Amino acid sequence: MPAVSDARLREILEGSPTIAVLGAHEEPEKAAYYVPEYLHEEGYRIIGVNPRFVGSELFGLPVHASLAAIAERVDLVDVFRRGEQVPAHVADILAMSPRPRVVWMQLGVKSDEAAKRLEAEGIEVIQNRCTLADHHRLGLGRPKST
């Protein structure tokens, strides 16, 4: 799997206004909360996915039990699950309608097995990268008013 270029990362981040966060969390000190919070503050529509938090809202939207339960287009699935847990989510990702264009596994999350299955179905996969860090590093953040 070749390394993804900064130009491609920029295209993905600029072209993915709606992000489903698999493994979203409610605790502000957890990356599965503060990374999507940052993205929300940058203007992305963030849809949390975690069966533990169904019935609550994150960033103004209801949390879903599964990816397939989301009834709107999702451009990117941002994965906050351990690498060994990702293959169990592939069927759920493939059941999404329409399917996302990109599955992005966060820093420390890697599953070549899941990546191969998703790529075989035409879904681009990014592994072991942080959306917040890449968004910031590529200078995509909105100017902050003072």
N, C-alpha and C. Protein backbone atom coordinates (compact mmCIF):
# COMPACT_ATOMS: atom_id res chain seq x y z
N MET A 1 0.85 -1.17 0.00
CA MET A 1 0.00 0.00 0.00
C MET A 1 0.90 1.24 0.00
N PRO A 2 0.87 2.01 -1.09
CA PRO A 2 1.75 3.18 -1.15
C PRO A 2 1.31 4.26 -0.17
N ALA A 3 2.27 5.08 0.22
CA ALA A 3 1.96 6.20 1.12
C ALA A 3 1.06 7.18 0.37
N VAL A 4 0.13 7.75 1.09
CA VAL A 4 -0.79 8.71 0.49
C VAL A 4 -0.13 10.09 0.48
N SER A 5 -0.29 10.81 -0.63
CA SER A 5 0.35 12.12 -0.76
C SER A 5 -0.43 13.19 0.00
N ASP A 6 0.27 14.25 0.33
CA ASP A 6 -0.40 15.39 0.96
C ASP A 6 -1.49 15.95 0.06
N ALA A 7 -1.24 15.96 -1.25
CA ALA A 7 -2.25 16.48 -2.18
C ALA A 7 -3.53 15.64 -2.09
N ARG A 8 -3.38 14.33 -1.98
CA ARG A 8 -4.56 13.46 -1.88
C ARG A 8 -5.24 13.65 -0.53
N LEU A 9 -4.47 13.75 0.55
CA LEU A 9 -5.06 14.00 1.87
C LEU A 9 -5.87 15.29 1.85
N ARG A 10 -5.34 16.32 1.22
CA ARG A 10 -6.03 17.60 1.10
C ARG A 10 -7.35 17.42 0.33
N GLU A 11 -7.30 16.71 -0.79
CA GLU A 11 -8.52 16.46 -1.59
C GLU A 11 -9.58 15.75 -0.75
N ILE A 12 -9.15 14.74 0.00
CA ILE A 12 -10.09 13.98 0.83
C ILE A 12 -10.72 14.88 1.89
N LEU A 13 -9.89 15.62 2.61
CA LEU A 13 -10.40 16.46 3.68
C LEU A 13 -11.27 17.60 3.15
N GLU A 14 -10.88 18.18 2.03
CA GLU A 14 -11.68 19.27 1.46
C GLU A 14 -12.97 18.76 0.83
N GLY A 15 -12.98 17.51 0.41
CA GLY A 15 -14.14 16.97 -0.29
C GLY A 15 -15.02 16.05 0.54
N SER A 16 -14.90 16.13 1.85
CA SER A 16 -15.65 15.24 2.74
C SER A 16 -16.40 16.03 3.81
N PRO A 17 -17.45 16.75 3.42
CA PRO A 17 -18.14 17.59 4.40
C PRO A 17 -18.90 16.83 5.49
N THR A 18 -19.27 15.58 5.21
CA THR A 18 -20.01 14.79 6.20
C THR A 18 -19.16 13.59 6.61
N ILE A 19 -18.89 13.52 7.92
CA ILE A 19 -18.02 12.48 8.47
C ILE A 19 -18.76 11.69 9.53
N ALA A 20 -18.79 10.37 9.38
CA ALA A 20 -19.31 9.49 10.42
C ALA A 20 -18.12 9.06 11.28
N VAL A 21 -18.27 9.17 12.59
CA VAL A 21 -17.18 8.84 13.50
C VAL A 21 -17.51 7.53 14.20
N LEU A 22 -16.89 6.45 13.74
CA LEU A 22 -17.09 5.12 14.30
C LEU A 22 -16.30 5.00 15.59
N GLY A 23 -17.01 4.80 16.70
CA GLY A 23 -16.35 4.74 18.00
C GLY A 23 -16.33 6.10 18.68
N ALA A 24 -17.21 7.01 18.25
CA ALA A 24 -17.28 8.34 18.85
C ALA A 24 -17.49 8.22 20.36
N HIS A 25 -16.96 9.19 21.10
CA HIS A 25 -17.04 9.14 22.55
C HIS A 25 -17.58 10.44 23.09
N GLU A 26 -18.11 10.39 24.32
CA GLU A 26 -18.68 11.58 24.96
C GLU A 26 -17.71 12.27 25.92
N GLU A 27 -16.59 11.62 26.23
CA GLU A 27 -15.64 12.19 27.19
C GLU A 27 -14.65 13.10 26.47
N PRO A 28 -14.64 14.41 26.81
CA PRO A 28 -13.81 15.39 26.09
C PRO A 28 -12.32 15.08 26.05
N GLU A 29 -11.80 14.32 27.03
CA GLU A 29 -10.37 14.04 27.03
C GLU A 29 -9.98 12.90 26.09
N LYS A 30 -10.94 12.22 25.53
CA LYS A 30 -10.65 11.10 24.61
C LYS A 30 -10.54 11.61 23.17
N ALA A 31 -9.57 11.05 22.43
CA ALA A 31 -9.40 11.46 21.04
C ALA A 31 -10.67 11.27 20.23
N ALA A 32 -11.47 10.26 20.57
CA ALA A 32 -12.72 9.98 19.83
C ALA A 32 -13.78 11.04 20.12
N TYR A 33 -13.46 12.00 20.99
CA TYR A 33 -14.32 13.17 21.18
C TYR A 33 -13.65 14.43 20.64
N TYR A 34 -12.40 14.69 21.07
CA TYR A 34 -11.82 15.98 20.71
C TYR A 34 -11.41 16.08 19.24
N VAL A 35 -11.11 14.97 18.58
CA VAL A 35 -10.82 15.04 17.14
C VAL A 35 -12.10 15.39 16.37
N PRO A 36 -13.23 14.66 16.58
CA PRO A 36 -14.45 15.08 15.88
C PRO A 36 -14.93 16.47 16.31
N GLU A 37 -14.69 16.85 17.56
CA GLU A 37 -15.08 18.19 17.99
C GLU A 37 -14.33 19.24 17.17
N TYR A 38 -13.03 19.04 16.99
CA TYR A 38 -12.23 19.95 16.16
C TYR A 38 -12.81 20.01 14.74
N LEU A 39 -13.09 18.85 14.15
CA LEU A 39 -13.62 18.82 12.80
C LEU A 39 -14.97 19.53 12.72
N HIS A 40 -15.82 19.32 13.72
CA HIS A 40 -17.11 20.01 13.79
C HIS A 40 -16.89 21.53 13.83
N GLU A 41 -15.96 21.97 14.65
CA GLU A 41 -15.67 23.40 14.75
C GLU A 41 -15.11 23.96 13.45
N GLU A 42 -14.52 23.09 12.62
CA GLU A 42 -14.00 23.50 11.33
C GLU A 42 -15.06 23.43 10.22
N GLY A 43 -16.29 23.10 10.59
CA GLY A 43 -17.39 23.14 9.63
C GLY A 43 -17.86 21.81 9.08
N TYR A 44 -17.28 20.71 9.53
CA TYR A 44 -17.72 19.40 9.06
C TYR A 44 -19.01 19.00 9.80
N ARG A 45 -19.85 18.25 9.11
CA ARG A 45 -21.03 17.65 9.74
C ARG A 45 -20.57 16.32 10.32
N ILE A 46 -20.66 16.19 11.64
CA ILE A 46 -20.13 15.01 12.34
C ILE A 46 -21.29 14.15 12.85
N ILE A 47 -21.30 12.88 12.44
CA ILE A 47 -22.32 11.93 12.87
C ILE A 47 -21.64 10.88 13.73
N GLY A 48 -21.96 10.85 15.01
CA GLY A 48 -21.36 9.89 15.92
C GLY A 48 -21.99 8.51 15.78
N VAL A 49 -21.14 7.49 15.88
CA VAL A 49 -21.60 6.10 15.82
C VAL A 49 -20.99 5.35 17.00
N ASN A 50 -21.86 4.98 17.94
CA ASN A 50 -21.43 4.20 19.09
C ASN A 50 -22.69 3.71 19.80
N PRO A 51 -22.95 2.39 19.81
CA PRO A 51 -24.18 1.89 20.43
C PRO A 51 -24.32 2.25 21.91
N ARG A 52 -23.20 2.53 22.58
CA ARG A 52 -23.25 2.90 24.00
C ARG A 52 -23.91 4.26 24.23
N PHE A 53 -23.92 5.11 23.21
CA PHE A 53 -24.41 6.48 23.38
C PHE A 53 -25.67 6.79 22.58
N VAL A 54 -26.34 5.74 22.07
CA VAL A 54 -27.59 5.96 21.35
C VAL A 54 -28.59 6.62 22.30
N GLY A 55 -29.32 7.59 21.78
CA GLY A 55 -30.25 8.34 22.61
C GLY A 55 -29.67 9.68 23.04
N SER A 56 -28.38 9.85 22.84
CA SER A 56 -27.75 11.13 23.14
C SER A 56 -27.34 11.80 21.82
N GLU A 57 -26.85 13.01 21.94
CA GLU A 57 -26.39 13.75 20.76
C GLU A 57 -24.92 14.12 20.93
N LEU A 58 -24.24 14.19 19.82
CA LEU A 58 -22.88 14.73 19.76
C LEU A 58 -22.88 15.80 18.67
N PHE A 59 -22.43 16.98 19.01
CA PHE A 59 -22.30 18.07 18.05
C PHE A 59 -23.63 18.38 17.35
N GLY A 60 -24.73 18.26 18.11
CA GLY A 60 -26.05 18.62 17.62
C GLY A 60 -26.78 17.56 16.82
N LEU A 61 -26.19 16.38 16.68
CA LEU A 61 -26.83 15.31 15.92
C LEU A 61 -26.95 14.05 16.77
N PRO A 62 -28.01 13.25 16.54
CA PRO A 62 -28.16 12.02 17.32
C PRO A 62 -27.04 11.02 17.02
N VAL A 63 -26.65 10.28 18.05
CA VAL A 63 -25.65 9.22 17.89
C VAL A 63 -26.36 7.98 17.38
N HIS A 64 -25.74 7.30 16.42
CA HIS A 64 -26.30 6.08 15.81
C HIS A 64 -25.64 4.83 16.38
N ALA A 65 -26.39 3.74 16.36
CA ALA A 65 -25.86 2.47 16.85
C ALA A 65 -24.90 1.82 15.86
N SER A 66 -25.12 2.08 14.57
CA SER A 66 -24.28 1.47 13.53
C SER A 66 -24.16 2.42 12.35
N LEU A 67 -23.18 2.17 11.52
CA LEU A 67 -22.99 2.98 10.32
C LEU A 67 -24.16 2.80 9.35
N ALA A 68 -24.63 1.57 9.21
CA ALA A 68 -25.71 1.29 8.27
C ALA A 68 -27.01 1.98 8.67
N ALA A 69 -27.13 2.40 9.94
CA ALA A 69 -28.34 3.08 10.42
C ALA A 69 -28.38 4.55 10.00
N ILE A 70 -27.31 5.07 9.46
CA ILE A 70 -27.26 6.47 9.04
C ILE A 70 -28.01 6.60 7.72
N ALA A 71 -29.00 7.49 7.69
CA ALA A 71 -29.88 7.61 6.53
C ALA A 71 -29.52 8.80 5.64
N GLU A 72 -28.27 9.18 5.62
CA GLU A 72 -27.83 10.27 4.75
C GLU A 72 -26.46 9.94 4.21
N ARG A 73 -26.06 10.69 3.17
CA ARG A 73 -24.75 10.46 2.56
C ARG A 73 -23.64 10.79 3.56
N VAL A 74 -22.70 9.89 3.66
CA VAL A 74 -21.49 10.09 4.46
C VAL A 74 -20.32 10.04 3.49
N ASP A 75 -19.48 11.06 3.55
CA ASP A 75 -18.33 11.11 2.64
C ASP A 75 -17.16 10.30 3.15
N LEU A 76 -16.97 10.32 4.48
CA LEU A 76 -15.80 9.70 5.09
C LEU A 76 -16.21 9.05 6.41
N VAL A 77 -15.72 7.84 6.65
CA VAL A 77 -15.89 7.19 7.94
C VAL A 77 -14.56 7.29 8.67
N ASP A 78 -14.58 7.97 9.82
CA ASP A 78 -13.39 8.18 10.64
C ASP A 78 -13.42 7.14 11.76
N VAL A 79 -12.45 6.23 11.77
CA VAL A 79 -12.50 5.05 12.64
C VAL A 79 -11.64 5.24 13.90
N PHE A 80 -12.33 5.16 15.04
CA PHE A 80 -11.70 5.20 16.36
C PHE A 80 -11.97 3.86 17.06
N ARG A 81 -11.47 2.80 16.49
CA ARG A 81 -11.58 1.44 17.05
C ARG A 81 -10.21 0.82 16.94
N ARG A 82 -9.91 -0.16 17.77
CA ARG A 82 -8.63 -0.85 17.66
C ARG A 82 -8.57 -1.60 16.33
N GLY A 83 -7.37 -1.70 15.79
CA GLY A 83 -7.19 -2.32 14.48
C GLY A 83 -7.81 -3.70 14.36
N GLU A 84 -7.69 -4.51 15.43
CA GLU A 84 -8.24 -5.87 15.36
C GLU A 84 -9.77 -5.88 15.35
N GLN A 85 -10.39 -4.75 15.69
CA GLN A 85 -11.85 -4.67 15.69
C GLN A 85 -12.41 -4.18 14.35
N VAL A 86 -11.57 -3.61 13.53
CA VAL A 86 -12.05 -3.00 12.28
C VAL A 86 -12.66 -4.01 11.31
N PRO A 87 -12.08 -5.20 11.11
CA PRO A 87 -12.70 -6.13 10.16
C PRO A 87 -14.17 -6.44 10.49
N ALA A 88 -14.53 -6.42 11.75
CA ALA A 88 -15.92 -6.69 12.13
C ALA A 88 -16.88 -5.58 11.67
N HIS A 89 -16.34 -4.44 11.29
CA HIS A 89 -17.17 -3.31 10.84
C HIS A 89 -17.28 -3.22 9.32
N VAL A 90 -16.54 -4.04 8.60
CA VAL A 90 -16.53 -3.94 7.14
C VAL A 90 -17.92 -4.16 6.55
N ALA A 91 -18.64 -5.17 7.01
CA ALA A 91 -19.99 -5.43 6.48
C ALA A 91 -20.90 -4.24 6.73
N ASP A 92 -20.78 -3.62 7.89
CA ASP A 92 -21.58 -2.45 8.23
C ASP A 92 -21.25 -1.28 7.29
N ILE A 93 -19.97 -1.09 7.00
CA ILE A 93 -19.55 -0.03 6.08
C ILE A 93 -20.11 -0.31 4.69
N LEU A 94 -20.00 -1.55 4.25
CA LEU A 94 -20.49 -1.90 2.91
C LEU A 94 -22.01 -1.84 2.81
N ALA A 95 -22.71 -1.90 3.95
CA ALA A 95 -24.18 -1.82 3.96
C ALA A 95 -24.67 -0.37 3.91
N MET A 96 -23.75 0.59 4.05
CA MET A 96 -24.16 1.99 4.00
C MET A 96 -24.67 2.33 2.60
N SER A 97 -25.71 3.17 2.54
CA SER A 97 -26.27 3.53 1.25
C SER A 97 -26.58 5.02 1.22
N PRO A 98 -25.85 5.78 0.38
CA PRO A 98 -24.74 5.32 -0.46
C PRO A 98 -23.50 5.04 0.39
N ARG A 99 -22.58 4.33 -0.20
CA ARG A 99 -21.34 4.00 0.51
C ARG A 99 -20.44 5.22 0.61
N PRO A 100 -19.64 5.29 1.67
CA PRO A 100 -18.68 6.39 1.78
C PRO A 100 -17.58 6.22 0.74
N ARG A 101 -16.96 7.33 0.37
CA ARG A 101 -15.85 7.27 -0.58
C ARG A 101 -14.55 6.86 0.12
N VAL A 102 -14.44 7.20 1.43
CA VAL A 102 -13.18 7.00 2.15
C VAL A 102 -13.45 6.45 3.55
N VAL A 103 -12.62 5.50 3.96
CA VAL A 103 -12.56 5.06 5.36
C VAL A 103 -11.18 5.45 5.87
N TRP A 104 -11.17 6.23 6.94
CA TRP A 104 -9.92 6.78 7.49
C TRP A 104 -9.74 6.21 8.89
N MET A 105 -8.71 5.40 9.06
CA MET A 105 -8.40 4.83 10.37
C MET A 105 -7.43 5.77 11.08
N GLN A 106 -7.79 6.14 12.30
CA GLN A 106 -7.03 7.12 13.06
C GLN A 106 -5.62 6.63 13.41
N LEU A 107 -4.82 7.55 13.90
CA LEU A 107 -3.45 7.25 14.29
C LEU A 107 -3.44 6.06 15.25
N GLY A 108 -2.63 5.06 14.94
CA GLY A 108 -2.56 3.86 15.76
C GLY A 108 -3.54 2.78 15.35
N VAL A 109 -4.39 3.06 14.37
CA VAL A 109 -5.39 2.09 13.91
C VAL A 109 -5.01 1.64 12.51
N LYS A 110 -4.83 0.32 12.37
CA LYS A 110 -4.42 -0.26 11.10
C LYS A 110 -5.01 -1.65 10.98
N SER A 111 -5.59 -1.93 9.82
CA SER A 111 -6.08 -3.28 9.53
C SER A 111 -5.96 -3.51 8.03
N ASP A 112 -4.89 -4.20 7.64
CA ASP A 112 -4.70 -4.50 6.22
C ASP A 112 -5.84 -5.39 5.70
N GLU A 113 -6.34 -6.28 6.55
CA GLU A 113 -7.45 -7.16 6.14
C GLU A 113 -8.68 -6.32 5.77
N ALA A 114 -9.07 -5.41 6.65
CA ALA A 114 -10.23 -4.55 6.37
C ALA A 114 -9.95 -3.67 5.16
N ALA A 115 -8.74 -3.11 5.08
CA ALA A 115 -8.40 -2.23 3.97
C ALA A 115 -8.54 -2.96 2.63
N LYS A 116 -8.04 -4.17 2.54
CA LYS A 116 -8.12 -4.92 1.29
C LYS A 116 -9.57 -5.17 0.89
N ARG A 117 -10.40 -5.54 1.86
CA ARG A 117 -11.82 -5.81 1.57
C ARG A 117 -12.54 -4.54 1.12
N LEU A 118 -12.27 -3.43 1.78
CA LEU A 118 -12.93 -2.16 1.42
C LEU A 118 -12.44 -1.66 0.07
N GLU A 119 -11.14 -1.72 -0.16
CA GLU A 119 -10.59 -1.26 -1.44
C GLU A 119 -11.11 -2.11 -2.60
N ALA A 120 -11.31 -3.41 -2.37
CA ALA A 120 -11.87 -4.28 -3.41
C ALA A 120 -13.29 -3.86 -3.79
N GLU A 121 -13.95 -3.15 -2.88
CA GLU A 121 -15.32 -2.65 -3.12
C GLU A 121 -15.31 -1.19 -3.58
N GLY A 122 -14.12 -0.64 -3.87
CA GLY A 122 -14.02 0.70 -4.41
C GLY A 122 -13.99 1.82 -3.38
N ILE A 123 -13.73 1.48 -2.12
CA ILE A 123 -13.64 2.49 -1.06
C ILE A 123 -12.17 2.74 -0.75
N GLU A 124 -11.76 4.00 -0.81
CA GLU A 124 -10.37 4.36 -0.50
C GLU A 124 -10.15 4.24 1.00
N VAL A 125 -8.97 3.77 1.39
CA VAL A 125 -8.66 3.57 2.80
C VAL A 125 -7.37 4.30 3.16
N ILE A 126 -7.45 5.06 4.25
CA ILE A 126 -6.29 5.71 4.85
C ILE A 126 -6.10 5.04 6.20
N GLN A 127 -4.87 4.68 6.54
CA GLN A 127 -4.61 4.00 7.81
C GLN A 127 -3.56 4.75 8.63
N ASN A 128 -3.73 4.66 9.96
CA ASN A 128 -2.71 5.13 10.90
C ASN A 128 -2.37 6.61 10.70
N ARG A 129 -3.42 7.44 10.53
CA ARG A 129 -3.23 8.88 10.38
C ARG A 129 -4.32 9.59 11.18
N CYS A 130 -4.02 10.77 11.68
CA CYS A 130 -4.99 11.55 12.44
C CYS A 130 -5.60 12.63 11.56
N THR A 131 -6.93 12.64 11.46
CA THR A 131 -7.61 13.65 10.66
C THR A 131 -7.33 15.05 11.19
N LEU A 132 -7.34 15.22 12.50
CA LEU A 132 -7.07 16.54 13.10
C LEU A 132 -5.65 16.99 12.74
N ALA A 133 -4.67 16.13 12.97
CA ALA A 133 -3.27 16.49 12.73
C ALA A 133 -3.04 16.81 11.25
N ASP A 134 -3.59 15.99 10.35
CA ASP A 134 -3.39 16.25 8.92
C ASP A 134 -4.14 17.51 8.49
N HIS A 135 -5.34 17.72 8.99
CA HIS A 135 -6.11 18.93 8.66
C HIS A 135 -5.31 20.17 9.07
N HIS A 136 -4.79 20.15 10.27
CA HIS A 136 -4.02 21.27 10.79
C HIS A 136 -2.70 21.43 10.02
N ARG A 137 -2.00 20.33 9.83
CA ARG A 137 -0.68 20.36 9.16
C ARG A 137 -0.79 20.88 7.72
N LEU A 138 -1.89 20.57 7.06
CA LEU A 138 -2.08 20.98 5.67
C LEU A 138 -2.63 22.41 5.57
N GLY A 139 -2.81 23.07 6.71
CA GLY A 139 -3.27 24.45 6.70
C GLY A 139 -4.71 24.63 6.29
N LEU A 140 -5.54 23.62 6.57
CA LEU A 140 -6.94 23.67 6.14
C LEU A 140 -7.86 24.33 7.17
N GLY A 141 -7.33 24.64 8.34
CA GLY A 141 -8.16 25.24 9.37
C GLY A 141 -8.67 26.61 8.98
N ARG A 142 -9.86 26.92 9.48
CA ARG A 142 -10.43 28.24 9.25
C ARG A 142 -9.66 29.27 10.06
N PRO A 143 -9.54 30.48 9.52
CA PRO A 143 -8.93 31.54 10.34
C PRO A 143 -9.80 31.81 11.56
N LYS A 144 -9.17 31.95 12.70
CA LYS A 144 -9.90 32.19 13.95
C LYS A 144 -10.07 33.70 14.12
N SER A 145 -11.28 34.09 14.48
CA SER A 145 -11.51 35.52 14.73
C SER A 145 -11.00 35.86 16.12
N THR A 146 -10.53 37.08 16.28
CA THR A 146 -9.99 37.49 17.58
C THR A 146 -10.91 38.43 18.30
